Amino acid sequence: MAAPSGKSDGGRSASLWAAVLLTAMALRPAEAVSEPTTVEFDVRPGGVVHTFSQNVGPGDKYTCVFTYASQGGTNEKWQMSLGTSEDHQHFTCTIWRPQGKSYLYFTQFKAEVRGAEIEYGMAYSKAAFERENDVPLKNEEFEVTKTAVTHRPGAFKAELSKLVIVAKASHSEL
């Protein structure tokens, strides 16, 4: 299930949903979630479609794939972090620019999961950095399906700095 739309409240319900979900995850015992894997990669401008993916879980059960095209500037260092629950039935994938705001102009993006179905997905124009908070994209700029968080052509304003996905093993994987 995706984050609530929050269309009438400027996205506050989606932010509240994220806070509730993150709080619930933080209150679990420390041993309930596997040690996350974080991998650094370059996001490259030039208008060409690029893909970066990473696997996690026993037998690399889950995959998170980030596909994008961007323009302007030079390469930026981004990170992808993945972790699984102790029972390996849930996993998280976070893709972000650790310095907060990306200065690249994204013409498209898609964060896709394989081996699982998305329970929560969110995209941000600005990632939290120092004293600044995450700034979510407007709901009309992106969509969340069972397997992907994707830009909406014509509505996406080309600003992207973070994607968060929480997924559960798909029925075929249980």
N, C-alpha and C. Protein backbone atom coordinates (compact mmCIF):
# COMPACT_ATOMS: atom_id res chain seq x y z
N MET A 1 0.84 -1.18 0.00
CA MET A 1 0.00 0.00 0.00
C MET A 1 0.88 1.24 0.00
N ALA A 2 0.56 2.20 -0.79
CA ALA A 2 1.33 3.43 -0.89
C ALA A 2 0.96 4.36 0.25
N ALA A 3 1.73 5.42 0.37
CA ALA A 3 1.44 6.44 1.37
C ALA A 3 0.11 7.09 1.04
N PRO A 4 -0.62 7.56 2.05
CA PRO A 4 -1.87 8.26 1.78
C PRO A 4 -1.61 9.46 0.87
N SER A 5 -2.60 9.81 0.07
CA SER A 5 -2.39 10.85 -0.92
C SER A 5 -2.15 12.22 -0.32
N GLY A 6 -2.87 12.60 0.70
CA GLY A 6 -2.65 13.89 1.35
C GLY A 6 -2.90 15.07 0.43
N LYS A 7 -3.72 14.91 -0.60
CA LYS A 7 -3.92 15.97 -1.58
C LYS A 7 -4.48 17.24 -0.97
N SER A 8 -5.33 17.12 0.02
CA SER A 8 -5.97 18.31 0.56
C SER A 8 -5.17 18.95 1.68
N ASP A 9 -4.10 18.31 2.16
CA ASP A 9 -3.37 18.88 3.29
C ASP A 9 -1.92 19.19 2.98
N GLY A 10 -1.58 19.33 1.69
CA GLY A 10 -0.23 19.70 1.32
C GLY A 10 0.81 18.63 1.60
N GLY A 11 0.40 17.38 1.72
CA GLY A 11 1.34 16.29 1.92
C GLY A 11 1.62 15.96 3.37
N ARG A 12 0.95 16.65 4.32
CA ARG A 12 1.21 16.39 5.73
C ARG A 12 0.82 14.99 6.15
N SER A 13 -0.26 14.44 5.58
CA SER A 13 -0.65 13.08 5.97
C SER A 13 0.38 12.07 5.50
N ALA A 14 0.99 12.30 4.33
CA ALA A 14 2.05 11.40 3.86
C ALA A 14 3.25 11.50 4.79
N SER A 15 3.59 12.72 5.23
CA SER A 15 4.70 12.90 6.16
C SER A 15 4.39 12.23 7.50
N LEU A 16 3.15 12.35 7.95
CA LEU A 16 2.73 11.71 9.20
C LEU A 16 2.81 10.20 9.04
N TRP A 17 2.35 9.70 7.90
CA TRP A 17 2.41 8.25 7.63
C TRP A 17 3.86 7.77 7.71
N ALA A 18 4.78 8.51 7.10
CA ALA A 18 6.20 8.14 7.12
C ALA A 18 6.74 8.17 8.54
N ALA A 19 6.37 9.19 9.30
CA ALA A 19 6.84 9.29 10.69
C ALA A 19 6.34 8.12 11.53
N VAL A 20 5.06 7.76 11.36
CA VAL A 20 4.49 6.63 12.11
C VAL A 20 5.21 5.34 11.74
N LEU A 21 5.43 5.13 10.45
CA LEU A 21 6.10 3.92 9.99
C LEU A 21 7.53 3.85 10.51
N LEU A 22 8.26 4.95 10.41
CA LEU A 22 9.64 4.96 10.87
C LEU A 22 9.73 4.80 12.39
N THR A 23 8.79 5.37 13.12
CA THR A 23 8.76 5.21 14.57
C THR A 23 8.49 3.77 14.94
N ALA A 24 7.54 3.14 14.25
CA ALA A 24 7.24 1.73 14.53
C ALA A 24 8.46 0.86 14.26
N MET A 25 9.16 1.15 13.18
CA MET A 25 10.37 0.38 12.88
C MET A 25 11.45 0.62 13.93
N ALA A 26 11.58 1.86 14.41
CA ALA A 26 12.60 2.18 15.40
C ALA A 26 12.30 1.54 16.75
N LEU A 27 11.03 1.31 17.06
CA LEU A 27 10.65 0.73 18.35
C LEU A 27 10.80 -0.79 18.39
N ARG A 28 11.03 -1.41 17.24
CA ARG A 28 11.26 -2.86 17.22
C ARG A 28 12.57 -3.15 17.94
N PRO A 29 12.72 -4.35 18.48
CA PRO A 29 14.01 -4.70 19.08
C PRO A 29 15.12 -4.60 18.04
N ALA A 30 16.31 -4.25 18.48
CA ALA A 30 17.43 -4.03 17.57
C ALA A 30 17.73 -5.23 16.69
N GLU A 31 17.53 -6.44 17.20
CA GLU A 31 17.85 -7.62 16.42
C GLU A 31 16.79 -7.95 15.37
N ALA A 32 15.72 -7.18 15.30
CA ALA A 32 14.62 -7.50 14.39
C ALA A 32 14.93 -7.16 12.93
N VAL A 33 15.93 -6.33 12.68
CA VAL A 33 16.24 -5.92 11.33
C VAL A 33 17.71 -6.23 11.06
N SER A 34 17.98 -6.80 9.89
CA SER A 34 19.37 -7.10 9.54
C SER A 34 20.16 -5.82 9.38
N GLU A 35 21.46 -5.94 9.48
CA GLU A 35 22.35 -4.81 9.26
C GLU A 35 22.17 -4.32 7.83
N PRO A 36 21.88 -3.03 7.64
CA PRO A 36 21.67 -2.55 6.28
C PRO A 36 22.96 -2.56 5.47
N THR A 37 22.80 -2.71 4.18
CA THR A 37 23.90 -2.64 3.23
C THR A 37 23.79 -1.30 2.54
N THR A 38 24.86 -0.52 2.54
CA THR A 38 24.87 0.77 1.86
C THR A 38 25.96 0.77 0.81
N VAL A 39 25.58 1.14 -0.40
CA VAL A 39 26.49 1.16 -1.53
C VAL A 39 26.46 2.55 -2.15
N GLU A 40 27.63 3.10 -2.42
CA GLU A 40 27.71 4.41 -3.07
C GLU A 40 27.79 4.22 -4.58
N PHE A 41 27.17 5.12 -5.31
CA PHE A 41 27.21 5.09 -6.77
C PHE A 41 27.13 6.50 -7.31
N ASP A 42 27.54 6.68 -8.56
CA ASP A 42 27.48 7.98 -9.20
C ASP A 42 26.17 8.13 -9.96
N VAL A 43 25.52 9.27 -9.78
CA VAL A 43 24.40 9.66 -10.64
C VAL A 43 25.02 10.59 -11.66
N ARG A 44 24.88 10.21 -12.93
CA ARG A 44 25.57 10.90 -14.02
C ARG A 44 24.59 11.67 -14.90
N PRO A 45 24.92 12.92 -15.19
CA PRO A 45 24.09 13.70 -16.12
C PRO A 45 24.40 13.31 -17.56
N GLY A 46 23.73 13.96 -18.50
CA GLY A 46 23.99 13.73 -19.91
C GLY A 46 22.75 13.29 -20.67
N GLY A 47 21.63 13.12 -19.96
CA GLY A 47 20.38 12.78 -20.63
C GLY A 47 20.22 11.32 -21.01
N VAL A 48 21.23 10.50 -20.72
CA VAL A 48 21.18 9.07 -21.04
C VAL A 48 20.55 8.32 -19.87
N VAL A 49 19.78 7.30 -20.16
CA VAL A 49 19.16 6.49 -19.10
C VAL A 49 20.23 5.59 -18.48
N HIS A 50 20.35 5.66 -17.16
CA HIS A 50 21.29 4.83 -16.38
C HIS A 50 20.50 4.00 -15.39
N THR A 51 21.07 2.86 -15.00
CA THR A 51 20.44 1.98 -14.02
C THR A 51 21.48 1.53 -13.01
N PHE A 52 21.09 1.53 -11.74
CA PHE A 52 21.93 0.99 -10.67
C PHE A 52 21.04 0.06 -9.85
N SER A 53 21.56 -1.14 -9.51
CA SER A 53 20.75 -2.07 -8.72
C SER A 53 21.60 -2.75 -7.67
N GLN A 54 20.92 -3.24 -6.64
CA GLN A 54 21.57 -3.92 -5.53
C GLN A 54 20.62 -5.00 -5.01
N ASN A 55 21.18 -6.13 -4.60
CA ASN A 55 20.40 -7.23 -4.03
C ASN A 55 20.61 -7.30 -2.53
N VAL A 56 19.63 -7.90 -1.84
CA VAL A 56 19.72 -8.07 -0.40
C VAL A 56 18.89 -9.29 0.00
N GLY A 57 19.16 -9.81 1.17
CA GLY A 57 18.39 -10.96 1.69
C GLY A 57 19.08 -12.26 1.36
N PRO A 58 18.62 -13.34 1.99
CA PRO A 58 19.23 -14.65 1.73
C PRO A 58 19.07 -15.04 0.26
N GLY A 59 20.17 -15.43 -0.36
CA GLY A 59 20.12 -15.76 -1.78
C GLY A 59 19.79 -14.57 -2.65
N ASP A 60 20.09 -13.36 -2.16
CA ASP A 60 19.76 -12.13 -2.88
C ASP A 60 18.30 -12.11 -3.31
N LYS A 61 17.43 -12.44 -2.37
CA LYS A 61 15.98 -12.58 -2.58
C LYS A 61 15.32 -11.32 -3.14
N TYR A 62 15.79 -10.15 -2.70
CA TYR A 62 15.18 -8.89 -3.12
C TYR A 62 16.18 -8.08 -3.93
N THR A 63 15.64 -7.30 -4.85
CA THR A 63 16.46 -6.39 -5.65
C THR A 63 15.80 -5.02 -5.66
N CYS A 64 16.62 -3.99 -5.53
CA CYS A 64 16.16 -2.61 -5.68
C CYS A 64 16.89 -2.05 -6.89
N VAL A 65 16.13 -1.48 -7.82
CA VAL A 65 16.69 -0.98 -9.08
C VAL A 65 16.31 0.50 -9.22
N PHE A 66 17.31 1.34 -9.45
CA PHE A 66 17.10 2.77 -9.67
C PHE A 66 17.47 3.09 -11.11
N THR A 67 16.48 3.54 -11.88
CA THR A 67 16.67 3.91 -13.27
C THR A 67 16.34 5.39 -13.41
N TYR A 68 17.19 6.14 -14.11
CA TYR A 68 17.00 7.58 -14.19
C TYR A 68 17.69 8.14 -15.44
N ALA A 69 17.33 9.36 -15.76
CA ALA A 69 18.06 10.19 -16.72
C ALA A 69 18.10 11.59 -16.13
N SER A 70 19.24 12.25 -16.23
CA SER A 70 19.37 13.59 -15.67
C SER A 70 20.25 14.46 -16.56
N GLN A 71 20.17 15.76 -16.36
CA GLN A 71 20.92 16.75 -17.12
C GLN A 71 21.62 17.70 -16.17
N GLY A 72 22.67 18.36 -16.67
CA GLY A 72 23.32 19.45 -15.95
C GLY A 72 24.43 19.00 -15.03
N GLY A 73 25.35 19.93 -14.77
CA GLY A 73 26.39 19.71 -13.79
C GLY A 73 27.32 18.53 -14.06
N THR A 74 27.82 17.96 -12.99
CA THR A 74 28.73 16.83 -13.05
C THR A 74 28.16 15.68 -12.23
N ASN A 75 28.86 14.55 -12.22
CA ASN A 75 28.42 13.41 -11.42
C ASN A 75 28.19 13.81 -9.97
N GLU A 76 27.21 13.16 -9.34
CA GLU A 76 26.97 13.33 -7.91
C GLU A 76 27.10 11.96 -7.25
N LYS A 77 27.65 11.93 -6.04
CA LYS A 77 27.71 10.71 -5.24
C LYS A 77 26.37 10.52 -4.56
N TRP A 78 25.73 9.38 -4.83
CA TRP A 78 24.48 9.00 -4.19
C TRP A 78 24.72 7.69 -3.45
N GLN A 79 23.74 7.29 -2.63
CA GLN A 79 23.82 6.03 -1.92
C GLN A 79 22.51 5.26 -2.03
N MET A 80 22.64 3.93 -2.01
CA MET A 80 21.48 3.04 -1.93
C MET A 80 21.69 2.18 -0.69
N SER A 81 20.72 2.21 0.22
CA SER A 81 20.78 1.39 1.42
C SER A 81 19.63 0.40 1.41
N LEU A 82 19.95 -0.86 1.73
CA LEU A 82 18.94 -1.91 1.78
C LEU A 82 19.08 -2.68 3.08
N GLY A 83 17.95 -3.09 3.64
CA GLY A 83 17.94 -3.91 4.84
C GLY A 83 16.73 -4.80 4.84
N THR A 84 16.82 -5.92 5.56
CA THR A 84 15.68 -6.84 5.66
C THR A 84 15.30 -7.05 7.11
N SER A 85 14.05 -7.45 7.32
CA SER A 85 13.61 -7.81 8.66
C SER A 85 14.26 -9.14 9.04
N GLU A 86 14.22 -9.46 10.31
CA GLU A 86 14.84 -10.70 10.80
C GLU A 86 14.27 -11.93 10.09
N ASP A 87 12.96 -11.92 9.83
CA ASP A 87 12.34 -13.07 9.15
C ASP A 87 12.46 -12.99 7.63
N HIS A 88 13.11 -11.95 7.13
CA HIS A 88 13.37 -11.74 5.70
C HIS A 88 12.09 -11.62 4.88
N GLN A 89 10.99 -11.21 5.48
CA GLN A 89 9.74 -11.03 4.75
C GLN A 89 9.48 -9.58 4.38
N HIS A 90 10.26 -8.65 4.94
CA HIS A 90 10.16 -7.22 4.61
C HIS A 90 11.54 -6.70 4.28
N PHE A 91 11.57 -5.73 3.39
CA PHE A 91 12.84 -5.05 3.16
C PHE A 91 12.61 -3.59 2.83
N THR A 92 13.66 -2.81 3.06
CA THR A 92 13.61 -1.39 2.77
C THR A 92 14.69 -1.05 1.75
N CYS A 93 14.41 -0.08 0.95
CA CYS A 93 15.38 0.43 -0.01
C CYS A 93 15.28 1.96 0.03
N THR A 94 16.40 2.59 0.34
CA THR A 94 16.47 4.04 0.35
C THR A 94 17.56 4.47 -0.62
N ILE A 95 17.21 5.39 -1.50
CA ILE A 95 18.13 5.91 -2.50
C ILE A 95 18.18 7.41 -2.26
N TRP A 96 19.38 7.96 -2.05
CA TRP A 96 19.42 9.38 -1.74
C TRP A 96 20.79 9.99 -1.99
N ARG A 97 20.77 11.31 -2.06
CA ARG A 97 22.01 12.08 -2.12
C ARG A 97 22.31 12.53 -0.70
N PRO A 98 23.39 12.01 -0.10
CA PRO A 98 23.68 12.32 1.30
C PRO A 98 23.89 13.81 1.59
N GLN A 99 24.27 14.60 0.59
CA GLN A 99 24.45 16.04 0.79
C GLN A 99 23.14 16.81 0.77
N GLY A 100 22.02 16.12 0.69
CA GLY A 100 20.72 16.78 0.74
C GLY A 100 20.11 17.02 -0.61
N LYS A 101 20.38 18.15 -1.21
CA LYS A 101 19.74 18.55 -2.46
C LYS A 101 20.60 18.17 -3.65
N SER A 102 19.97 17.55 -4.63
CA SER A 102 20.65 17.28 -5.90
C SER A 102 20.54 18.53 -6.77
N TYR A 103 21.61 18.81 -7.50
CA TYR A 103 21.58 19.95 -8.41
C TYR A 103 21.37 19.50 -9.85
N LEU A 104 21.15 18.21 -10.03
CA LEU A 104 20.86 17.70 -11.36
C LEU A 104 19.38 17.88 -11.68
N TYR A 105 19.09 17.98 -12.95
CA TYR A 105 17.73 18.12 -13.47
C TYR A 105 17.33 16.73 -13.97
N PHE A 106 16.43 16.05 -13.23
CA PHE A 106 16.01 14.70 -13.60
C PHE A 106 14.88 14.76 -14.62
N THR A 107 15.08 14.09 -15.74
CA THR A 107 14.03 14.03 -16.76
C THR A 107 13.12 12.84 -16.52
N GLN A 108 13.62 11.84 -15.76
CA GLN A 108 12.80 10.69 -15.40
C GLN A 108 13.45 9.94 -14.25
N PHE A 109 12.64 9.18 -13.51
CA PHE A 109 13.16 8.28 -12.49
C PHE A 109 12.19 7.15 -12.24
N LYS A 110 12.74 6.03 -11.79
CA LYS A 110 11.94 4.88 -11.39
C LYS A 110 12.76 4.09 -10.38
N ALA A 111 12.18 3.85 -9.21
CA ALA A 111 12.78 2.98 -8.20
C ALA A 111 11.89 1.75 -8.14
N GLU A 112 12.46 0.61 -8.48
CA GLU A 112 11.68 -0.62 -8.65
C GLU A 112 12.17 -1.69 -7.68
N VAL A 113 11.25 -2.50 -7.16
CA VAL A 113 11.62 -3.63 -6.33
C VAL A 113 11.26 -4.92 -7.04
N ARG A 114 12.09 -5.92 -6.83
CA ARG A 114 11.83 -7.26 -7.38
C ARG A 114 11.84 -8.24 -6.23
N GLY A 115 10.89 -9.20 -6.24
CA GLY A 115 10.76 -10.17 -5.16
C GLY A 115 9.88 -9.69 -4.03
N ALA A 116 9.27 -8.52 -4.20
CA ALA A 116 8.44 -7.94 -3.13
C ALA A 116 7.41 -6.99 -3.72
N GLU A 117 6.45 -6.61 -2.88
CA GLU A 117 5.44 -5.62 -3.25
C GLU A 117 5.54 -4.44 -2.29
N ILE A 118 5.44 -3.25 -2.83
CA ILE A 118 5.60 -2.03 -2.04
C ILE A 118 4.42 -1.82 -1.10
N GLU A 119 4.74 -1.60 0.17
CA GLU A 119 3.74 -1.22 1.17
C GLU A 119 3.74 0.29 1.37
N TYR A 120 4.89 0.92 1.19
CA TYR A 120 5.03 2.36 1.36
C TYR A 120 6.10 2.84 0.39
N GLY A 121 5.83 3.92 -0.30
CA GLY A 121 6.81 4.52 -1.20
C GLY A 121 6.68 6.03 -1.17
N MET A 122 7.83 6.72 -1.19
CA MET A 122 7.81 8.18 -1.15
C MET A 122 9.01 8.72 -1.92
N ALA A 123 8.82 9.86 -2.57
CA ALA A 123 9.88 10.53 -3.30
C ALA A 123 10.03 11.95 -2.74
N TYR A 124 11.27 12.43 -2.72
CA TYR A 124 11.57 13.72 -2.12
C TYR A 124 12.39 14.58 -3.08
N SER A 125 12.08 15.89 -3.08
CA SER A 125 12.87 16.81 -3.89
C SER A 125 14.13 17.21 -3.14
N LYS A 126 14.12 17.08 -1.82
CA LYS A 126 15.27 17.43 -1.00
C LYS A 126 15.37 16.41 0.13
N ALA A 127 16.58 15.88 0.34
CA ALA A 127 16.83 14.94 1.44
C ALA A 127 17.30 15.71 2.66
N ALA A 128 16.95 15.20 3.84
CA ALA A 128 17.38 15.84 5.09
C ALA A 128 18.90 15.96 5.12
N PHE A 129 19.38 17.12 5.54
CA PHE A 129 20.82 17.36 5.65
C PHE A 129 21.03 18.44 6.69
N GLU A 130 21.91 18.16 7.63
CA GLU A 130 22.19 19.05 8.74
C GLU A 130 20.89 19.43 9.43
N ARG A 131 20.48 20.66 9.42
CA ARG A 131 19.26 21.09 10.13
C ARG A 131 18.02 21.11 9.25
N GLU A 132 18.16 20.70 8.03
CA GLU A 132 17.04 20.73 7.09
C GLU A 132 16.32 19.40 7.07
N ASN A 133 15.02 19.42 6.79
CA ASN A 133 14.20 18.21 6.74
C ASN A 133 14.01 17.75 5.29
N ASP A 134 13.58 16.49 5.16
CA ASP A 134 13.16 15.99 3.85
C ASP A 134 12.03 16.85 3.33
N VAL A 135 12.02 17.08 2.02
CA VAL A 135 10.93 17.82 1.38
C VAL A 135 10.32 16.88 0.34
N PRO A 136 9.09 16.39 0.61
CA PRO A 136 8.47 15.44 -0.32
C PRO A 136 8.05 16.10 -1.63
N LEU A 137 8.07 15.29 -2.69
CA LEU A 137 7.50 15.75 -3.95
C LEU A 137 6.00 15.90 -3.75
N LYS A 138 5.37 16.69 -4.57
CA LYS A 138 3.91 16.77 -4.53
C LYS A 138 3.36 15.45 -5.07
N ASN A 139 2.24 15.03 -4.54
CA ASN A 139 1.65 13.74 -4.91
C ASN A 139 1.40 13.60 -6.41
N GLU A 140 1.11 14.70 -7.08
CA GLU A 140 0.86 14.61 -8.52
C GLU A 140 2.14 14.43 -9.34
N GLU A 141 3.33 14.58 -8.72
CA GLU A 141 4.60 14.45 -9.44
C GLU A 141 5.09 13.01 -9.58
N PHE A 142 4.55 12.09 -8.76
CA PHE A 142 5.02 10.71 -8.81
C PHE A 142 3.88 9.76 -8.49
N GLU A 143 4.09 8.49 -8.81
CA GLU A 143 3.08 7.49 -8.48
C GLU A 143 3.76 6.27 -7.88
N VAL A 144 3.00 5.57 -7.03
CA VAL A 144 3.48 4.36 -6.39
C VAL A 144 2.59 3.21 -6.83
N THR A 145 3.22 2.17 -7.37
CA THR A 145 2.49 0.96 -7.76
C THR A 145 2.93 -0.18 -6.83
N LYS A 146 2.54 -1.40 -7.15
CA LYS A 146 2.94 -2.54 -6.33
C LYS A 146 4.44 -2.78 -6.37
N THR A 147 5.10 -2.35 -7.45
CA THR A 147 6.52 -2.66 -7.59
C THR A 147 7.42 -1.46 -7.89
N ALA A 148 6.87 -0.25 -8.00
CA ALA A 148 7.74 0.88 -8.37
C ALA A 148 7.22 2.23 -7.86
N VAL A 149 8.18 3.14 -7.68
CA VAL A 149 7.90 4.56 -7.44
C VAL A 149 8.46 5.26 -8.67
N THR A 150 7.58 5.95 -9.42
CA THR A 150 7.94 6.48 -10.73
C THR A 150 7.49 7.93 -10.89
N HIS A 151 8.26 8.70 -11.66
CA HIS A 151 7.86 10.07 -11.98
C HIS A 151 6.58 10.04 -12.84
N ARG A 152 5.83 11.12 -12.80
CA ARG A 152 4.67 11.27 -13.68
C ARG A 152 5.04 12.28 -14.76
N PRO A 153 5.16 11.83 -16.00
CA PRO A 153 5.51 12.75 -17.09
C PRO A 153 4.55 13.94 -17.15
N GLY A 154 5.12 15.11 -17.34
CA GLY A 154 4.31 16.32 -17.44
C GLY A 154 4.04 16.98 -16.10
N ALA A 155 4.06 16.21 -15.01
CA ALA A 155 3.80 16.77 -13.68
C ALA A 155 5.06 16.86 -12.84
N PHE A 156 6.02 15.97 -13.07
CA PHE A 156 7.27 15.94 -12.31
C PHE A 156 8.09 17.18 -12.61
N LYS A 157 8.53 17.87 -11.56
CA LYS A 157 9.23 19.15 -11.71
C LYS A 157 10.75 19.01 -11.82
N ALA A 158 11.25 17.79 -12.04
CA ALA A 158 12.68 17.51 -12.31
C ALA A 158 13.58 17.57 -11.09
N GLU A 159 13.03 17.73 -9.88
CA GLU A 159 13.84 17.77 -8.66
C GLU A 159 13.68 16.45 -7.92
N LEU A 160 14.81 15.77 -7.68
CA LEU A 160 14.81 14.51 -6.96
C LEU A 160 16.07 14.41 -6.13
N SER A 161 15.92 14.02 -4.86
CA SER A 161 17.09 13.84 -3.99
C SER A 161 16.99 12.60 -3.12
N LYS A 162 15.79 11.97 -3.06
CA LYS A 162 15.64 10.81 -2.18
C LYS A 162 14.40 10.01 -2.56
N LEU A 163 14.52 8.68 -2.44
CA LEU A 163 13.39 7.77 -2.62
C LEU A 163 13.41 6.77 -1.47
N VAL A 164 12.25 6.47 -0.92
CA VAL A 164 12.15 5.50 0.18
C VAL A 164 11.08 4.47 -0.18
N ILE A 165 11.45 3.19 -0.05
CA ILE A 165 10.51 2.10 -0.31
C ILE A 165 10.56 1.12 0.85
N VAL A 166 9.38 0.73 1.34
CA VAL A 166 9.25 -0.36 2.31
C VAL A 166 8.39 -1.40 1.62
N ALA A 167 8.91 -2.63 1.53
CA ALA A 167 8.22 -3.68 0.75
C ALA A 167 8.12 -4.97 1.55
N LYS A 168 7.16 -5.78 1.15
CA LYS A 168 6.93 -7.09 1.76
C LYS A 168 7.06 -8.16 0.68
N ALA A 169 7.57 -9.33 1.09
CA ALA A 169 7.74 -10.42 0.13
C ALA A 169 6.44 -10.61 -0.65
N SER A 170 6.57 -10.75 -1.97
CA SER A 170 5.39 -10.95 -2.80
C SER A 170 4.85 -12.36 -2.51
N HIS A 171 3.56 -12.56 -2.81
CA HIS A 171 2.89 -13.84 -2.51
C HIS A 171 3.63 -15.02 -3.12
N SER A 172 4.22 -14.84 -4.27
CA SER A 172 4.94 -15.93 -4.91
C SER A 172 6.25 -16.26 -4.18
N GLU A 173 6.73 -15.31 -3.35
CA GLU A 173 7.97 -15.52 -2.63
C GLU A 173 7.74 -16.11 -1.24
N LEU A 174 6.51 -16.08 -0.74
CA LEU A 174 6.24 -16.56 0.62
C LEU A 174 6.32 -18.06 0.74
